[in-house]
Each structure stands twice: as structure tokens, then as C-alpha cells.
Amino acid sequence: MGAAMGTLIVIGVVVVVIVLLVIGIYNKLVALRNRYKNAFSQIDVQLKRRYDLIPNLVEVAKGYMKHERETLEAVITARNLAANAGQQAAANPGDPSAMKSLGSAEGQLTGALGRLFALSENYPDLKANQNMLSLQEELSSTENKVAFARQAYNDAVMAYNTSRETFPNVIFAGMFNFQEANLFEVEEAQQREAPKVSFG
């Protein structure tokens, strides 16, 4: 009876250790997933601020750039596409297709804003407009905040992905449906820099 009881105690201890290990792994993966989702929410806040500034920028420019209607409409269209992509990415920040769509839409918006700023160089009165200067400064500041938030998000995603791919976590990550998260990557070289908004 003593040997059987000893075996049961050893088995019981092993089971408890395994259960505690699984609980620890699960809780760590949940914490890391929540960290990257929170990091994306910081990007989302800055992107929404950017999207809110753009219509004001276009309105100010519209008064001076009457013959550039196509460019102004392209900026608004790109802004709306980026805002929709941002909402989809915010719903599930780790989703590869949502993050790719957001990266692509942001690239189009950056390109459209770049064209607007390049054309506005031909309008000295617009360059001197106080509202335009203020909006440019806010947009530039927001672009910098987006870049910092993107870096924090990508760091959090990297920590999560690394944790879910290491042994023994990889075994339980699959069991508990912890999917790989996608980075918010810049696809085009022109996206690697904030748009030039200085009219000085």
C-alpha cells in the first residue's frame, strides 16, 4: 500500500506542476496579446487625430487652390479609405489582412498628402495662412506620434510572437488558439518618412 500511495503522490505532484505550467503560459500569452492590442489602440488614437485634421487642411487649401480640385478630392478619398482600414485593424489588430490593408491605405494617404503639399508650394498666400501653418504643425506632430506608437506596437507584437513560438509555449499557443500577430509594416519607401509639411 505504501508504494502505491507514493506513486499516486508523485503523479499528483507532476499533474499539479503541469497544470501550473500551463496556467502560467496561458496567462503570459494573454498578457502579451493584451499589450500589443493596447499598443495598437495608441496608434489608432493618433491615426484618428490625423484623419480629423485632414478635412480642415483641405478646407483651408480649397480657398486658395481652386484649380486643384482633383488633388483635394484625392486627399479626402485616401483619408476615407485609411479611416475605414483603421477601423478594421482596430477591431482585430493582429489580423494580417487588416494590418496589410491599413499599411496600404496609409501609403496612399501619405502619397496624396505629399502631392497636396507639393502643389501648395505654388500658392504663396496659402503658405502664409495662419490656419494652414497651424494645421501643418499639428499634422507633423501627429505623424511623429504615429511613428512612435507604431514602434511600440511592433515591439509588443514581436514580444508576443516570440513568446508564442518558444518551447513549450508553442504547444499550448496552438491549443488555446493564440494566433500569430502581424506587424504594422511600412511597405513603400515614401511611407518611411512623415510628409513634408514645412512651408517656411
Protein backbone atom coordinates (compact mmCIF):
# COMPACT_ATOMS: atom_id res chain seq x y z
CA MET A 1 0.00 0.00 0.00
CA GLY A 2 2.89 2.37 0.78
CA ALA A 3 4.45 2.12 -2.71
CA ALA A 4 1.09 2.68 -4.41
CA MET A 5 0.44 5.71 -2.22
CA GLY A 6 3.91 7.12 -3.03
CA THR A 7 3.28 6.65 -6.75
CA LEU A 8 -0.07 8.44 -6.50
CA ILE A 9 1.56 11.34 -4.65
CA VAL A 10 4.30 11.64 -7.31
CA ILE A 11 1.70 11.51 -10.10
CA GLY A 12 -0.40 14.11 -8.26
CA VAL A 13 2.61 16.43 -7.86
CA VAL A 14 3.53 16.05 -11.56
CA VAL A 15 -0.06 16.83 -12.61
CA VAL A 16 -0.14 19.92 -10.36
CA VAL A 17 3.19 21.14 -11.78
CA ILE A 18 1.96 20.64 -15.36
CA VAL A 19 -1.32 22.42 -14.62
CA LEU A 20 0.54 25.37 -13.02
CA LEU A 21 2.91 25.49 -16.01
CA VAL A 22 0.00 25.59 -18.47
CA ILE A 23 -1.76 28.29 -16.43
CA GLY A 24 1.44 30.36 -16.35
CA ILE A 25 1.97 30.02 -20.11
CA TYR A 26 -1.66 30.86 -20.85
CA ASN A 27 -1.62 33.93 -18.59
CA LYS A 28 1.66 35.18 -20.09
CA LEU A 29 0.29 34.85 -23.64
CA VAL A 30 -2.90 36.68 -22.67
CA ALA A 31 -0.87 39.49 -21.09
CA LEU A 32 1.35 39.83 -24.17
CA ARG A 33 -1.66 39.77 -26.53
CA ASN A 34 -3.36 42.47 -24.47
CA ARG A 35 -0.16 44.52 -24.52
CA TYR A 36 0.03 44.58 -28.33
CA LYS A 37 -3.69 45.33 -28.60
CA ASN A 38 -3.24 48.25 -26.23
CA ALA A 39 -0.23 49.41 -28.24
CA PHE A 40 -2.37 49.39 -31.39
CA SER A 41 -5.02 51.45 -29.63
CA GLN A 42 -2.35 54.14 -29.20
CA ILE A 43 -1.75 54.08 -32.97
CA ASP A 44 -5.50 54.23 -33.51
CA VAL A 45 -5.83 57.37 -31.38
CA GLN A 46 -3.13 59.15 -33.39
CA LEU A 47 -4.48 57.98 -36.74
CA LYS A 48 -7.97 59.25 -35.84
CA ARG A 49 -6.45 62.59 -34.89
CA ARG A 50 -4.68 62.66 -38.25
CA TYR A 51 -7.90 61.79 -40.08
CA ASP A 52 -9.71 64.60 -38.22
CA LEU A 53 -7.07 67.17 -39.19
CA ILE A 54 -7.10 66.37 -42.91
CA PRO A 55 -10.59 67.72 -43.79
CA ASN A 56 -9.69 71.01 -42.07
CA LEU A 57 -6.44 71.14 -44.04
CA VAL A 58 -8.31 70.53 -47.29
CA GLU A 59 -10.89 73.20 -46.45
CA VAL A 60 -8.18 75.80 -45.86
CA ALA A 61 -6.37 74.77 -49.05
CA LYS A 62 -9.60 74.75 -51.07
CA GLY A 63 -9.96 78.51 -50.67
CA TYR A 64 -6.60 79.06 -52.37
CA MET A 65 -6.27 76.07 -54.69
CA LYS A 66 -9.45 76.38 -56.72
CA HIS A 67 -7.86 74.74 -59.78
CA GLU A 68 -6.52 71.74 -57.84
CA ARG A 69 -9.87 70.09 -57.16
CA GLU A 70 -8.67 66.65 -58.29
CA THR A 71 -5.79 66.70 -55.79
CA LEU A 72 -8.04 67.84 -52.94
CA GLU A 73 -10.57 65.11 -53.73
CA ALA A 74 -7.78 62.52 -53.88
CA VAL A 75 -6.69 63.52 -50.36
CA ILE A 76 -10.22 63.16 -48.99
CA THR A 77 -10.73 59.82 -50.76
CA ALA A 78 -7.42 58.49 -49.43
CA ARG A 79 -8.30 59.77 -45.96
CA ASN A 80 -11.65 57.96 -46.01
CA LEU A 81 -10.05 54.70 -47.20
CA ALA A 82 -7.41 54.95 -44.48
CA ALA A 83 -10.05 55.69 -41.82
CA ASN A 84 -12.05 52.59 -42.87
CA ALA A 85 -8.92 50.44 -42.89
CA GLY A 86 -8.04 51.82 -39.46
CA GLN A 87 -11.43 50.78 -38.08
CA GLN A 88 -10.98 47.24 -39.42
CA ALA A 89 -7.48 46.99 -37.97
CA ALA A 90 -8.67 48.36 -34.61
CA ALA A 91 -11.31 45.62 -34.46
CA ASN A 92 -8.56 42.96 -34.67
CA PRO A 93 -5.03 44.40 -34.53
CA GLY A 94 -3.33 41.05 -35.08
CA ASP A 95 -5.22 40.21 -38.27
CA PRO A 96 -2.73 40.03 -41.16
CA SER A 97 -5.15 41.21 -43.86
CA ALA A 98 -6.40 44.14 -41.77
CA MET A 99 -2.88 45.28 -40.99
CA LYS A 100 -1.83 44.95 -44.63
CA SER A 101 -4.87 46.96 -45.76
CA LEU A 102 -4.10 49.64 -43.19
CA GLY A 103 -0.47 49.85 -44.31
CA SER A 104 -1.54 50.16 -47.94
CA ALA A 105 -4.22 52.77 -47.20
CA GLU A 106 -1.79 54.80 -45.10
CA GLY A 107 0.67 54.69 -48.00
CA GLN A 108 -1.95 56.08 -50.37
CA LEU A 109 -2.86 58.81 -47.89
CA THR A 110 0.77 59.78 -47.38
CA GLY A 111 1.22 59.99 -51.15
CA ALA A 112 -1.91 62.14 -51.59
CA LEU A 113 -0.82 64.49 -48.81
CA GLY A 114 2.62 64.73 -50.36
CA ARG A 115 1.09 65.80 -53.67
CA LEU A 116 -1.09 68.39 -51.88
CA PHE A 117 1.89 69.86 -50.06
CA ALA A 118 3.97 69.92 -53.25
CA LEU A 119 1.21 71.77 -55.13
CA SER A 120 0.65 74.20 -52.28
CA GLU A 121 4.19 75.49 -52.82
CA ASN A 122 2.75 77.31 -55.87
CA TYR A 123 0.38 79.34 -53.65
CA PRO A 124 2.31 81.89 -51.52
CA ASP A 125 -0.84 83.18 -49.81
CA LEU A 126 -1.71 79.64 -48.73
CA LYS A 127 1.81 79.08 -47.39
CA ALA A 128 1.43 82.21 -45.22
CA ASN A 129 -2.08 81.38 -43.94
CA GLN A 130 -2.04 81.02 -40.13
CA ASN A 131 -4.67 78.26 -40.13
CA MET A 132 -2.65 76.32 -42.68
CA LEU A 133 0.55 76.76 -40.70
CA SER A 134 -1.18 75.61 -37.51
CA LEU A 135 -2.69 72.56 -39.21
CA GLN A 136 0.67 71.69 -40.74
CA GLU A 137 2.30 71.81 -37.32
CA GLU A 138 -0.41 69.64 -35.77
CA LEU A 139 -0.21 67.16 -38.63
CA SER A 140 3.56 66.96 -38.38
CA SER A 141 3.36 66.39 -34.63
CA THR A 142 0.71 63.70 -35.13
CA GLU A 143 2.86 61.96 -37.76
CA ASN A 144 5.70 61.76 -35.24
CA LYS A 145 3.35 60.33 -32.61
CA VAL A 146 2.11 57.72 -35.11
CA ALA A 147 5.70 56.69 -35.79
CA PHE A 148 6.45 56.26 -32.08
CA ALA A 149 3.19 54.40 -31.47
CA ARG A 150 3.91 52.10 -34.44
CA GLN A 151 7.32 51.28 -32.98
CA ALA A 152 5.77 50.44 -29.58
CA TYR A 153 3.13 48.26 -31.28
CA ASN A 154 5.70 46.40 -33.37
CA ASP A 155 7.84 45.80 -30.26
CA ALA A 156 4.81 44.40 -28.40
CA VAL A 157 3.91 42.16 -31.36
CA MET A 158 7.47 40.89 -31.54
CA ALA A 159 7.46 40.00 -27.82
CA TYR A 160 4.10 38.21 -28.19
CA ASN A 161 5.13 36.28 -31.32
CA THR A 162 8.46 35.29 -29.78
CA SER A 163 6.75 34.03 -26.64
CA ARG A 164 4.12 32.03 -28.52
CA GLU A 165 6.78 30.41 -30.74
CA THR A 166 9.14 29.28 -27.96
CA PHE A 167 9.00 25.83 -26.41
CA PRO A 168 6.88 24.74 -24.53
CA ASN A 169 4.61 27.76 -25.17
CA VAL A 170 4.19 26.79 -28.83
CA ILE A 171 2.37 23.61 -27.79
CA PHE A 172 -0.20 25.46 -25.73
CA ALA A 173 -0.46 28.51 -28.01
CA GLY A 174 -1.91 26.28 -30.70
CA MET A 175 -4.22 24.51 -28.26
CA PHE A 176 -5.60 27.80 -26.94
CA ASN A 177 -5.79 29.49 -30.36
CA PHE A 178 -3.17 32.19 -29.85
CA GLN A 179 -2.66 33.21 -33.47
CA GLU A 180 0.42 34.98 -34.79
CA ALA A 181 0.08 38.77 -34.75
CA ASN A 182 1.15 40.92 -37.69
CA LEU A 183 3.47 43.88 -37.53
CA PHE A 184 2.34 47.28 -38.78
CA GLU A 185 4.93 47.48 -41.52
CA VAL A 186 5.73 50.26 -43.90
CA GLU A 187 5.53 48.83 -47.41
CA GLU A 188 6.85 51.70 -49.52
CA ALA A 189 9.95 53.84 -49.06
CA GLN A 190 7.91 57.05 -49.20
CA GLN A 191 5.96 55.91 -46.12
CA ARG A 192 9.12 55.70 -44.04
CA GLU A 193 9.11 59.46 -43.62
CA ALA A 194 6.39 61.78 -42.42
CA PRO A 195 5.06 64.02 -45.18
CA LYS A 196 6.94 67.27 -45.54
CA VAL A 197 4.64 69.93 -44.12
CA SER A 198 7.02 72.86 -43.77
CA PHE A 199 6.15 75.87 -45.87
CA GLY A 200 8.97 78.03 -44.50
